[in-house]
């Protein structure tokens, strides 16, 4: 059995195990009742907000890629981004979506880059990794600030300190980038070469990083607002301040690469955090399911775009992206 297949199988086992564990601890009747009484108007608003947020995210990626020399129009980046959303959701790992974005940008932007297809692939990879890093850094900083500013919620000390530690780690990593660049000069290999290239590309373009961080802030604030809206849909009052805590914490926790696209981890995160403010287990799991449904429905737009573009089959993306 291939290592990738084994890892996917193990992640599936973790996800199924966690889901089974959490579902065994809820009353099925009350869970279904909570779902059947959902106020769909709030879900419709959340769908629009999430879609708008992803469009802003595509602008963020556009700025990062253009700093590397890609001159594709924004609509191309939006199309690639939505196709990546589709692959992230409907492939065993979110990496599938990133590989999809890299593939399309390298293919359609190759004429703009020196070094041919290989150079385009390296730069496209850098743009996607940087896009991920900026988004994740801002997400965890929002969570850390919210935890510090709103200390009234009964979060365990371990979670508070871990959140602060991760946020501090990102901050120290950003501050130490110049030193890191010096250390990389003696390193050989494609990974180190790409890291050096990334640091060189964005050196002197810090305004781009600041702009993309501000866009990330907008996106994450919108998605924190969605937590409040989903609460209203379930007739649960979730304070704005707590939305700024649960979304970053659950988002960071579910990003751990030990389950299929965060399935199981996400449900556990929402269950744990919503129980802290008196939300029932049934509504907490229903909350998680509604969040997943919103993401899935908006991600289907990427699948439609993928079909209409007569794109290569998903199985062809990974081999070409790794050449």
C-alpha atoms as a PDB file:
ATOM      1  CA  UNK A   1       0.000   0.000   0.000  1.00  0.00           C
ATOM      2  CA  UNK A   2       1.326   3.439  -0.971  1.00  0.00           C
ATOM      3  CA  UNK A   3       2.195   5.816   1.822  1.00  0.00           C
ATOM      4  CA  UNK A   4      -0.291   8.434   0.561  1.00  0.00           C
ATOM      5  CA  UNK A   5      -3.076   5.849   0.477  1.00  0.00           C
ATOM      6  CA  UNK A   6      -2.201   4.670   3.970  1.00  0.00           C
ATOM      7  CA  UNK A   7      -2.209   8.247   5.303  1.00  0.00           C
ATOM      8  CA  UNK A   8      -5.598   8.907   3.716  1.00  0.00           C
ATOM      9  CA  UNK A   9      -6.956   5.716   5.246  1.00  0.00           C
ATOM     10  CA  UNK A  10      -5.635   6.665   8.680  1.00  0.00           C
ATOM     11  CA  UNK A  11      -7.143  10.147   8.399  1.00  0.00           C
ATOM     12  CA  UNK A  12     -10.483   8.618   7.407  1.00  0.00           C
ATOM     13  CA  UNK A  13     -10.363   6.348  10.445  1.00  0.00           C
ATOM     14  CA  UNK A  14      -9.631   9.337  12.702  1.00  0.00           C
ATOM     15  CA  UNK A  15     -12.500  11.353  11.191  1.00  0.00           C
ATOM     16  CA  UNK A  16     -15.006   8.507  11.390  1.00  0.00           C
ATOM     17  CA  UNK A  17     -13.905   7.652  14.902  1.00  0.00           C
ATOM     18  CA  UNK A  18     -14.286  11.216  16.140  1.00  0.00           C
ATOM     19  CA  UNK A  19     -17.652  11.664  14.435  1.00  0.00           C
ATOM     20  CA  UNK A  20     -18.945   8.407  15.902  1.00  0.00           C
ATOM     21  CA  UNK A  21     -17.732   9.410  19.346  1.00  0.00           C
ATOM     22  CA  UNK A  22     -19.400  12.826  19.262  1.00  0.00           C
ATOM     23  CA  UNK A  23     -22.653  11.621  17.691  1.00  0.00           C
ATOM     24  CA  UNK A  24     -22.949   8.881  20.308  1.00  0.00           C
ATOM     25  CA  UNK A  25     -23.151  11.605  22.933  1.00  0.00           C
ATOM     26  CA  UNK A  26     -26.065  13.550  21.472  1.00  0.00           C
ATOM     27  CA  UNK A  27     -29.764  12.831  21.533  1.00  0.00           C
ATOM     28  CA  UNK A  28     -30.690  12.029  17.926  1.00  0.00           C
ATOM     29  CA  UNK A  29     -34.262  13.304  18.323  1.00  0.00           C
ATOM     30  CA  UNK A  30     -33.158  16.692  19.654  1.00  0.00           C
ATOM     31  CA  UNK A  31     -30.393  16.891  17.047  1.00  0.00           C
ATOM     32  CA  UNK A  32     -32.837  16.339  14.171  1.00  0.00           C
ATOM     33  CA  UNK A  33     -35.289  18.728  15.795  1.00  0.00           C
ATOM     34  CA  UNK A  34     -32.609  21.424  15.929  1.00  0.00           C
ATOM     35  CA  UNK A  35     -31.854  20.921  12.231  1.00  0.00           C
ATOM     36  CA  UNK A  36     -35.518  20.909  11.217  1.00  0.00           C
ATOM     37  CA  UNK A  37     -36.138  24.242  12.961  1.00  0.00           C
ATOM     38  CA  UNK A  38     -33.210  26.066  11.328  1.00  0.00           C
ATOM     39  CA  UNK A  39     -34.108  29.544  10.094  1.00  0.00           C
ATOM     40  CA  UNK A  40     -32.936  29.367   6.510  1.00  0.00           C
ATOM     41  CA  UNK A  41     -32.862  33.136   5.986  1.00  0.00           C
ATOM     42  CA  UNK A  42     -29.749  33.359   8.189  1.00  0.00           C
ATOM     43  CA  UNK A  43     -28.118  30.482   6.306  1.00  0.00           C
ATOM     44  CA  UNK A  44     -28.795  32.273   3.014  1.00  0.00           C
ATOM     45  CA  UNK A  45     -27.101  35.424   4.348  1.00  0.00           C
ATOM     46  CA  UNK A  46     -24.152  33.344   5.574  1.00  0.00           C
ATOM     47  CA  UNK A  47     -23.825  31.749   2.119  1.00  0.00           C
ATOM     48  CA  UNK A  48     -23.522  35.174   0.513  1.00  0.00           C
ATOM     49  CA  UNK A  49     -21.049  36.398   3.125  1.00  0.00           C
ATOM     50  CA  UNK A  50     -18.830  33.335   2.733  1.00  0.00           C
ATOM     51  CA  UNK A  51     -18.877  33.720  -1.053  1.00  0.00           C
ATOM     52  CA  UNK A  52     -17.930  37.386  -0.741  1.00  0.00           C
ATOM     53  CA  UNK A  53     -15.123  36.463   1.632  1.00  0.00           C
ATOM     54  CA  UNK A  54     -13.681  33.988  -0.849  1.00  0.00           C
ATOM     55  CA  UNK A  55     -13.717  36.635  -3.568  1.00  0.00           C
ATOM     56  CA  UNK A  56     -11.704  38.879  -1.250  1.00  0.00           C
ATOM     57  CA  UNK A  57      -9.335  35.955  -0.636  1.00  0.00           C
ATOM     58  CA  UNK A  58      -8.805  35.638  -4.382  1.00  0.00           C
ATOM     59  CA  UNK A  59      -7.833  39.332  -4.461  1.00  0.00           C
ATOM     60  CA  UNK A  60      -5.313  38.623  -1.681  1.00  0.00           C
ATOM     61  CA  UNK A  61      -3.757  35.825  -3.728  1.00  0.00           C
ATOM     62  CA  UNK A  62      -3.740  38.053  -6.821  1.00  0.00           C
ATOM     63  CA  UNK A  63      -1.632  40.672  -5.020  1.00  0.00           C
ATOM     64  CA  UNK A  64       0.843  38.059  -3.814  1.00  0.00           C
ATOM     65  CA  UNK A  65       1.158  36.454  -7.256  1.00  0.00           C
ATOM     66  CA  UNK A  66       1.541  39.750  -9.098  1.00  0.00           C
ATOM     67  CA  UNK A  67       4.429  40.629  -6.798  1.00  0.00           C
ATOM     68  CA  UNK A  68       6.111  37.546  -8.289  1.00  0.00           C
ATOM     69  CA  UNK A  69       5.487  38.678 -11.862  1.00  0.00           C
ATOM     70  CA  UNK A  70       2.215  36.973 -12.779  1.00  0.00           C
ATOM     71  CA  UNK A  71       0.035  39.373 -14.751  1.00  0.00           C
ATOM     72  CA  UNK A  72      -3.139  37.337 -15.154  1.00  0.00           C
ATOM     73  CA  UNK A  73      -6.348  39.356 -14.719  1.00  0.00           C
ATOM     74  CA  UNK A  74      -8.121  39.086 -11.366  1.00  0.00           C
ATOM     75  CA  UNK A  75     -10.957  37.029 -12.851  1.00  0.00           C
ATOM     76  CA  UNK A  76      -8.437  34.266 -13.648  1.00  0.00           C
ATOM     77  CA  UNK A  77      -7.283  34.168 -10.043  1.00  0.00           C
ATOM     78  CA  UNK A  78     -10.902  34.080  -8.866  1.00  0.00           C
ATOM     79  CA  UNK A  79     -11.608  31.113 -11.158  1.00  0.00           C
ATOM     80  CA  UNK A  80      -8.493  29.248  -9.992  1.00  0.00           C
ATOM     81  CA  UNK A  81      -9.350  30.035  -6.375  1.00  0.00           C
ATOM     82  CA  UNK A  82     -12.861  28.625  -6.620  1.00  0.00           C
ATOM     83  CA  UNK A  83     -11.639  25.515  -8.400  1.00  0.00           C
ATOM     84  CA  UNK A  84      -9.128  25.136  -5.563  1.00  0.00           C
ATOM     85  CA  UNK A  85     -11.981  25.446  -3.044  1.00  0.00           C
ATOM     86  CA  UNK A  86     -13.761  22.593  -4.791  1.00  0.00           C
ATOM     87  CA  UNK A  87     -10.703  20.331  -4.724  1.00  0.00           C
ATOM     88  CA  UNK A  88      -9.946  21.249  -1.106  1.00  0.00           C
ATOM     89  CA  UNK A  89     -13.371  20.072  -0.043  1.00  0.00           C
ATOM     90  CA  UNK A  90     -13.851  17.046  -2.255  1.00  0.00           C
ATOM     91  CA  UNK A  91     -10.370  15.546  -2.179  1.00  0.00           C
ATOM     92  CA  UNK A  92      -8.826  13.773   0.842  1.00  0.00           C
ATOM     93  CA  UNK A  93      -6.727  16.808   1.748  1.00  0.00           C
ATOM     94  CA  UNK A  94      -6.850  20.597   1.434  1.00  0.00           C
ATOM     95  CA  UNK A  95      -3.483  20.261  -0.297  1.00  0.00           C
ATOM     96  CA  UNK A  96      -5.417  19.081  -3.354  1.00  0.00           C
ATOM     97  CA  UNK A  97      -6.936  22.544  -3.677  1.00  0.00           C
ATOM     98  CA  UNK A  98      -3.542  24.203  -3.339  1.00  0.00           C
ATOM     99  CA  UNK A  99      -2.077  21.932  -6.018  1.00  0.00           C
ATOM    100  CA  UNK A 100      -4.977  22.840  -8.271  1.00  0.00           C
ATOM    101  CA  UNK A 101      -4.295  26.541  -7.861  1.00  0.00           C
ATOM    102  CA  UNK A 102      -0.579  26.020  -8.470  1.00  0.00           C
ATOM    103  CA  UNK A 103      -1.272  23.980 -11.595  1.00  0.00           C
ATOM    104  CA  UNK A 104      -3.572  26.548 -13.221  1.00  0.00           C
ATOM    105  CA  UNK A 105      -1.437  29.566 -12.362  1.00  0.00           C
ATOM    106  CA  UNK A 106       1.758  27.895 -13.583  1.00  0.00           C
ATOM    107  CA  UNK A 107       0.066  26.732 -16.780  1.00  0.00           C
ATOM    108  CA  UNK A 108      -1.774  29.923 -17.710  1.00  0.00           C
ATOM    109  CA  UNK A 109       0.859  32.319 -16.419  1.00  0.00           C
ATOM    110  CA  UNK A 110       3.927  30.530 -17.786  1.00  0.00           C
ATOM    111  CA  UNK A 111       4.317  32.890 -20.745  1.00  0.00           C
ATOM    112  CA  UNK A 112       4.803  35.787 -18.325  1.00  0.00           C
ATOM    113  CA  UNK A 113       7.655  34.132 -16.430  1.00  0.00           C
ATOM    114  CA  UNK A 114      11.317  33.646 -17.101  1.00  0.00           C
ATOM    115  CA  UNK A 115      12.650  30.158 -16.675  1.00  0.00           C
ATOM    116  CA  UNK A 116       9.839  28.380 -18.504  1.00  0.00           C
ATOM    117  CA  UNK A 117       7.351  26.026 -16.921  1.00  0.00           C
ATOM    118  CA  UNK A 118       9.627  25.010 -14.035  1.00  0.00           C
ATOM    119  CA  UNK A 119      10.145  28.627 -13.004  1.00  0.00           C
ATOM    120  CA  UNK A 120       6.424  29.315 -13.190  1.00  0.00           C
ATOM    121  CA  UNK A 121       5.666  26.252 -11.097  1.00  0.00           C
ATOM    122  CA  UNK A 122       8.097  27.351  -8.369  1.00  0.00           C
ATOM    123  CA  UNK A 123       6.737  30.892  -8.249  1.00  0.00           C
ATOM    124  CA  UNK A 124       3.121  29.715  -8.344  1.00  0.00           C
ATOM    125  CA  UNK A 125       3.902  27.426  -5.415  1.00  0.00           C
ATOM    126  CA  UNK A 126       5.432  30.308  -3.485  1.00  0.00           C
ATOM    127  CA  UNK A 127       2.359  32.486  -4.085  1.00  0.00           C
ATOM    128  CA  UNK A 128      -0.009  29.801  -2.769  1.00  0.00           C
ATOM    129  CA  UNK A 129       2.139  28.959   0.271  1.00  0.00           C
ATOM    130  CA  UNK A 130       2.477  32.650   1.137  1.00  0.00           C
ATOM    131  CA  UNK A 131      -1.268  33.103   0.702  1.00  0.00           C
ATOM    132  CA  UNK A 132      -1.875  30.247   3.145  1.00  0.00           C
ATOM    133  CA  UNK A 133       0.703  31.563   5.627  1.00  0.00           C
ATOM    134  CA  UNK A 134      -0.671  35.114   5.658  1.00  0.00           C
ATOM    135  CA  UNK A 135      -4.240  33.882   6.124  1.00  0.00           C
ATOM    136  CA  UNK A 136      -3.289  31.509   8.940  1.00  0.00           C
ATOM    137  CA  UNK A 137      -1.139  34.105  10.727  1.00  0.00           C
ATOM    138  CA  UNK A 138      -3.929  36.688  10.759  1.00  0.00           C
ATOM    139  CA  UNK A 139      -6.442  34.044  11.846  1.00  0.00           C
ATOM    140  CA  UNK A 140      -4.462  32.981  14.902  1.00  0.00           C
ATOM    141  CA  UNK A 141      -3.637  36.609  15.796  1.00  0.00           C
ATOM    142  CA  UNK A 142      -7.356  37.437  15.788  1.00  0.00           C
ATOM    143  CA  UNK A 143      -7.960  34.520  18.120  1.00  0.00           C
ATOM    144  CA  UNK A 144      -5.133  35.520  20.447  1.00  0.00           C
ATOM    145  CA  UNK A 145      -6.248  39.147  20.647  1.00  0.00           C
ATOM    146  CA  UNK A 146      -9.875  38.118  21.244  1.00  0.00           C
ATOM    147  CA  UNK A 147      -8.872  35.689  24.000  1.00  0.00           C
ATOM    148  CA  UNK A 148      -6.821  38.435  25.665  1.00  0.00           C
ATOM    149  CA  UNK A 149      -9.404  41.223  25.263  1.00  0.00           C
ATOM    150  CA  UNK A 150     -12.397  39.112  26.322  1.00  0.00           C
ATOM    151  CA  UNK A 151     -11.125  37.102  29.311  1.00  0.00           C
ATOM    152  CA  UNK A 152     -14.597  36.530  30.740  1.00  0.00           C
ATOM    153  CA  UNK A 153     -15.188  33.286  28.849  1.00  0.00           C
ATOM    154  CA  UNK A 154     -14.338  30.110  30.751  1.00  0.00           C
ATOM    155  CA  UNK A 155     -11.633  28.803  28.462  1.00  0.00           C
ATOM    156  CA  UNK A 156      -9.088  26.398  29.963  1.00  0.00           C
ATOM    157  CA  UNK A 157      -5.739  27.994  30.724  1.00  0.00           C
ATOM    158  CA  UNK A 158      -3.999  25.475  28.466  1.00  0.00           C
ATOM    159  CA  UNK A 159      -5.997  26.699  25.452  1.00  0.00           C
ATOM    160  CA  UNK A 160      -5.293  30.340  26.284  1.00  0.00           C
ATOM    161  CA  UNK A 161      -1.550  29.791  26.657  1.00  0.00           C
ATOM    162  CA  UNK A 162      -1.362  27.614  23.548  1.00  0.00           C
ATOM    163  CA  UNK A 163      -3.185  30.270  21.509  1.00  0.00           C
ATOM    164  CA  UNK A 164      -0.798  32.963  22.738  1.00  0.00           C
ATOM    165  CA  UNK A 165       2.209  30.708  22.068  1.00  0.00           C
ATOM    166  CA  UNK A 166       1.187  29.977  18.472  1.00  0.00           C
ATOM    167  CA  UNK A 167       0.483  33.664  17.804  1.00  0.00           C
ATOM    168  CA  UNK A 168       3.851  34.607  19.313  1.00  0.00           C
ATOM    169  CA  UNK A 169       5.518  31.951  17.180  1.00  0.00           C
ATOM    170  CA  UNK A 170       4.078  33.485  14.009  1.00  0.00           C
ATOM    171  CA  UNK A 171       5.176  36.943  15.126  1.00  0.00           C
ATOM    172  CA  UNK A 172       8.718  35.817  15.917  1.00  0.00           C
ATOM    173  CA  UNK A 173       8.843  33.992  12.605  1.00  0.00           C
ATOM    174  CA  UNK A 174       7.985  37.199  10.732  1.00  0.00           C
ATOM    175  CA  UNK A 175      10.509  39.264  12.675  1.00  0.00           C
ATOM    176  CA  UNK A 176      13.294  36.725  12.104  1.00  0.00           C
ATOM    177  CA  UNK A 177      12.799  36.424   8.337  1.00  0.00           C
ATOM    178  CA  UNK A 178      15.927  38.512   7.511  1.00  0.00           C
ATOM    179  CA  UNK A 179      18.063  36.236   9.708  1.00  0.00           C
ATOM    180  CA  UNK A 180      16.405  33.193   8.216  1.00  0.00           C
ATOM    181  CA  UNK A 181      17.302  34.463   4.758  1.00  0.00           C
ATOM    182  CA  UNK A 182      20.981  34.595   5.728  1.00  0.00           C
ATOM    183  CA  UNK A 183      20.892  31.040   7.080  1.00  0.00           C
ATOM    184  CA  UNK A 184      19.386  29.769   3.825  1.00  0.00           C
ATOM    185  CA  UNK A 185      22.306  30.933   1.707  1.00  0.00           C
ATOM    186  CA  UNK A 186      24.286  27.801   2.491  1.00  0.00           C
ATOM    187  CA  UNK A 187      21.388  25.392   2.025  1.00  0.00           C
ATOM    188  CA  UNK A 188      21.025  23.328  -1.121  1.00  0.00           C
ATOM    189  CA  UNK A 189      18.007  21.571  -2.605  1.00  0.00           C
ATOM    190  CA  UNK A 190      14.756  22.648  -4.290  1.00  0.00           C
ATOM    191  CA  UNK A 191      12.889  23.346  -1.042  1.00  0.00           C
ATOM    192  CA  UNK A 192      15.549  25.697   0.289  1.00  0.00           C
ATOM    193  CA  UNK A 193      15.935  27.288  -3.131  1.00  0.00           C
ATOM    194  CA  UNK A 194      12.216  28.072  -3.243  1.00  0.00           C
ATOM    195  CA  UNK A 195      12.333  29.521   0.260  1.00  0.00           C
ATOM    196  CA  UNK A 196      15.221  31.778  -0.720  1.00  0.00           C
ATOM    197  CA  UNK A 197      13.324  32.792  -3.837  1.00  0.00           C
ATOM    198  CA  UNK A 198      10.224  33.631  -1.793  1.00  0.00           C
ATOM    199  CA  UNK A 199      12.146  35.788   0.670  1.00  0.00           C
ATOM    200  CA  UNK A 200      13.927  37.602  -2.166  1.00  0.00           C
ATOM    201  CA  UNK A 201      10.694  38.130  -4.085  1.00  0.00           C
ATOM    202  CA  UNK A 202       8.834  39.813  -1.237  1.00  0.00           C
ATOM    203  CA  UNK A 203      11.828  41.722   0.132  1.00  0.00           C
ATOM    204  CA  UNK A 204      11.151  45.381  -0.519  1.00  0.00           C
ATOM    205  CA  UNK A 205       7.481  44.598  -1.169  1.00  0.00           C
ATOM    206  CA  UNK A 206       6.282  44.669   2.418  1.00  0.00           C
ATOM    207  CA  UNK A 207       3.401  46.876   1.374  1.00  0.00           C
ATOM    208  CA  UNK A 208       1.996  43.828  -0.448  1.00  0.00           C
ATOM    209  CA  UNK A 209       2.210  41.740   2.717  1.00  0.00           C
ATOM    210  CA  UNK A 210       0.497  44.485   4.719  1.00  0.00           C
ATOM    211  CA  UNK A 211      -2.273  44.787   2.117  1.00  0.00           C
ATOM    212  CA  UNK A 212      -2.869  41.044   2.084  1.00  0.00           C
ATOM    213  CA  UNK A 213      -2.927  40.938   5.879  1.00  0.00           C
ATOM    214  CA  UNK A 214      -5.617  43.636   5.905  1.00  0.00           C
ATOM    215  CA  UNK A 215      -7.640  41.655   3.361  1.00  0.00           C
ATOM    216  CA  UNK A 216      -7.237  38.553   5.534  1.00  0.00           C
ATOM    217  CA  UNK A 217      -8.480  40.541   8.510  1.00  0.00           C
ATOM    218  CA  UNK A 218     -11.637  41.483   6.585  1.00  0.00           C
ATOM    219  CA  UNK A 219     -12.221  37.876   5.496  1.00  0.00           C
ATOM    220  CA  UNK A 220     -11.814  36.460   8.992  1.00  0.00           C
ATOM    221  CA  UNK A 221     -14.013  39.148  10.568  1.00  0.00           C
ATOM    222  CA  UNK A 222     -16.732  38.263   8.064  1.00  0.00           C
ATOM    223  CA  UNK A 223     -16.411  34.574   8.860  1.00  0.00           C
ATOM    224  CA  UNK A 224     -16.503  35.311  12.577  1.00  0.00           C
ATOM    225  CA  UNK A 225     -19.755  37.184  11.929  1.00  0.00           C
ATOM    226  CA  UNK A 226     -21.048  34.047  10.237  1.00  0.00           C
ATOM    227  CA  UNK A 227     -20.690  32.243  13.561  1.00  0.00           C
ATOM    228  CA  UNK A 228     -23.195  34.694  15.024  1.00  0.00           C
ATOM    229  CA  UNK A 229     -25.556  34.223  12.067  1.00  0.00           C
ATOM    230  CA  UNK A 230     -25.469  30.432  12.305  1.00  0.00           C
ATOM    231  CA  UNK A 231     -26.236  30.812  15.989  1.00  0.00           C
ATOM    232  CA  UNK A 232     -29.299  32.896  15.118  1.00  0.00           C
ATOM    233  CA  UNK A 233     -30.348  30.217  12.625  1.00  0.00           C
ATOM    234  CA  UNK A 234     -30.384  27.710  15.485  1.00  0.00           C
ATOM    235  CA  UNK A 235     -31.965  30.201  17.902  1.00  0.00           C
ATOM    236  CA  UNK A 236     -28.728  30.390  19.892  1.00  0.00           C
ATOM    237  CA  UNK A 237     -27.254  33.696  20.999  1.00  0.00           C
ATOM    238  CA  UNK A 238     -23.516  33.742  20.248  1.00  0.00           C
ATOM    239  CA  UNK A 239     -21.898  37.054  21.252  1.00  0.00           C
ATOM    240  CA  UNK A 240     -19.802  38.807  18.645  1.00  0.00           C
ATOM    241  CA  UNK A 241     -16.844  38.627  21.006  1.00  0.00           C
ATOM    242  CA  UNK A 242     -17.158  34.850  21.253  1.00  0.00           C
ATOM    243  CA  UNK A 243     -17.451  34.527  17.480  1.00  0.00           C
ATOM    244  CA  UNK A 244     -14.014  36.147  17.288  1.00  0.00           C
ATOM    245  CA  UNK A 245     -12.742  33.385  19.563  1.00  0.00           C
ATOM    246  CA  UNK A 246     -14.416  30.215  18.346  1.00  0.00           C
ATOM    247  CA  UNK A 247     -13.815  30.740  14.628  1.00  0.00           C
ATOM    248  CA  UNK A 248     -10.018  31.204  14.882  1.00  0.00           C
ATOM    249  CA  UNK A 249      -9.612  28.440  17.460  1.00  0.00           C
ATOM    250  CA  UNK A 250     -11.718  25.892  15.578  1.00  0.00           C
ATOM    251  CA  UNK A 251     -10.162  26.931  12.256  1.00  0.00           C
ATOM    252  CA  UNK A 252      -6.646  26.450  13.599  1.00  0.00           C
ATOM    253  CA  UNK A 253      -7.467  23.188  15.370  1.00  0.00           C
ATOM    254  CA  UNK A 254      -9.230  21.649  12.358  1.00  0.00           C
ATOM    255  CA  UNK A 255      -6.234  22.532  10.157  1.00  0.00           C
ATOM    256  CA  UNK A 256      -4.161  19.854  11.892  1.00  0.00           C
ATOM    257  CA  UNK A 257      -3.318  17.223   9.225  1.00  0.00           C
ATOM    258  CA  UNK A 258      -4.665  14.250  11.170  1.00  0.00           C
ATOM    259  CA  UNK A 259      -8.163  13.950   9.698  1.00  0.00           C
ATOM    260  CA  UNK A 260      -9.927  14.274   6.350  1.00  0.00           C
ATOM    261  CA  UNK A 261     -10.292  18.022   5.752  1.00  0.00           C
ATOM    262  CA  UNK A 262     -10.780  18.639   9.458  1.00  0.00           C
ATOM    263  CA  UNK A 263     -13.854  16.391   9.700  1.00  0.00           C
ATOM    264  CA  UNK A 264     -14.234  15.289  13.295  1.00  0.00           C
ATOM    265  CA  UNK A 265     -11.786  17.890  14.592  1.00  0.00           C
ATOM    266  CA  UNK A 266     -14.118  20.691  13.536  1.00  0.00           C
ATOM    267  CA  UNK A 267     -17.115  19.061  15.203  1.00  0.00           C
ATOM    268  CA  UNK A 268     -15.123  18.442  18.362  1.00  0.00           C
ATOM    269  CA  UNK A 269     -13.906  22.026  18.443  1.00  0.00           C
ATOM    270  CA  UNK A 270     -17.372  23.501  18.117  1.00  0.00           C
ATOM    271  CA  UNK A 271     -18.798  21.024  20.615  1.00  0.00           C
ATOM    272  CA  UNK A 272     -16.168  21.878  23.215  1.00  0.00           C
ATOM    273  CA  UNK A 273     -16.297  25.658  22.770  1.00  0.00           C
ATOM    274  CA  UNK A 274     -20.066  26.044  22.422  1.00  0.00           C
ATOM    275  CA  UNK A 275     -20.669  23.934  25.510  1.00  0.00           C
ATOM    276  CA  UNK A 276     -18.657  26.582  27.406  1.00  0.00           C
ATOM    277  CA  UNK A 277     -21.421  29.145  26.819  1.00  0.00           C
ATOM    278  CA  UNK A 278     -24.321  26.818  27.535  1.00  0.00           C
ATOM    279  CA  UNK A 279     -25.181  25.600  24.032  1.00  0.00           C
ATOM    280  CA  UNK A 280     -26.532  22.041  24.026  1.00  0.00           C
ATOM    281  CA  UNK A 281     -24.516  19.219  22.479  1.00  0.00           C
ATOM    282  CA  UNK A 282     -27.193  18.695  19.830  1.00  0.00           C
ATOM    283  CA  UNK A 283     -27.134  22.316  18.693  1.00  0.00           C
ATOM    284  CA  UNK A 284     -23.334  22.439  18.822  1.00  0.00           C
ATOM    285  CA  UNK A 285     -23.072  19.495  16.408  1.00  0.00           C
ATOM    286  CA  UNK A 286     -25.854  20.985  14.267  1.00  0.00           C
ATOM    287  CA  UNK A 287     -23.874  24.257  14.244  1.00  0.00           C
ATOM    288  CA  UNK A 288     -20.809  22.439  12.926  1.00  0.00           C
ATOM    289  CA  UNK A 289     -22.866  20.662  10.267  1.00  0.00           C
ATOM    290  CA  UNK A 290     -24.408  23.924   9.050  1.00  0.00           C
ATOM    291  CA  UNK A 291     -20.952  25.520   8.828  1.00  0.00           C
ATOM    292  CA  UNK A 292     -19.767  22.599   6.699  1.00  0.00           C
ATOM    293  CA  UNK A 293     -22.871  22.786   4.476  1.00  0.00           C
ATOM    294  CA  UNK A 294     -22.298  26.489   3.821  1.00  0.00           C
ATOM    295  CA  UNK A 295     -18.685  25.846   2.802  1.00  0.00           C
ATOM    296  CA  UNK A 296     -19.707  22.861   0.661  1.00  0.00           C
ATOM    297  CA  UNK A 297     -22.459  24.713  -1.193  1.00  0.00           C
ATOM    298  CA  UNK A 298     -20.202  27.652  -2.034  1.00  0.00           C
ATOM    299  CA  UNK A 299     -17.389  25.282  -3.008  1.00  0.00           C
ATOM    300  CA  UNK A 300     -19.676  23.600  -5.529  1.00  0.00           C
ATOM    301  CA  UNK A 301     -19.384  26.786  -7.567  1.00  0.00           C
ATOM    302  CA  UNK A 302     -15.754  25.800  -8.146  1.00  0.00           C
ATOM    303  CA  UNK A 303     -16.875  22.395  -9.376  1.00  0.00           C
ATOM    304  CA  UNK A 304     -19.237  24.037 -11.847  1.00  0.00           C
ATOM    305  CA  UNK A 305     -16.470  26.338 -13.070  1.00  0.00           C
ATOM    306  CA  UNK A 306     -14.141  23.343 -13.376  1.00  0.00           C
ATOM    307  CA  UNK A 307     -16.651  21.523 -15.609  1.00  0.00           C
ATOM    308  CA  UNK A 308     -17.470  24.551 -17.754  1.00  0.00           C
ATOM    309  CA  UNK A 309     -13.779  25.229 -18.392  1.00  0.00           C
ATOM    310  CA  UNK A 310     -13.375  21.643 -19.662  1.00  0.00           C
ATOM    311  CA  UNK A 311     -10.431  21.377 -17.326  1.00  0.00           C
ATOM    312  CA  UNK A 312      -8.159  18.352 -17.001  1.00  0.00           C
ATOM    313  CA  UNK A 313      -9.315  15.588 -14.700  1.00  0.00           C
ATOM    314  CA  UNK A 314      -8.493  16.087 -10.989  1.00  0.00           C
ATOM    315  CA  UNK A 315      -6.140  13.083 -11.101  1.00  0.00           C
ATOM    316  CA  UNK A 316      -4.034  14.924 -13.651  1.00  0.00           C
ATOM    317  CA  UNK A 317      -3.433  17.916 -11.435  1.00  0.00           C
ATOM    318  CA  UNK A 318      -1.160  16.349  -8.848  1.00  0.00           C
ATOM    319  CA  UNK A 319       1.274  14.614 -11.251  1.00  0.00           C
ATOM    320  CA  UNK A 320       1.720  17.747 -13.367  1.00  0.00           C
ATOM    321  CA  UNK A 321       2.053  19.976 -10.322  1.00  0.00           C
ATOM    322  CA  UNK A 322       4.823  17.772  -8.958  1.00  0.00           C
ATOM    323  CA  UNK A 323       6.898  17.590 -12.157  1.00  0.00           C
END
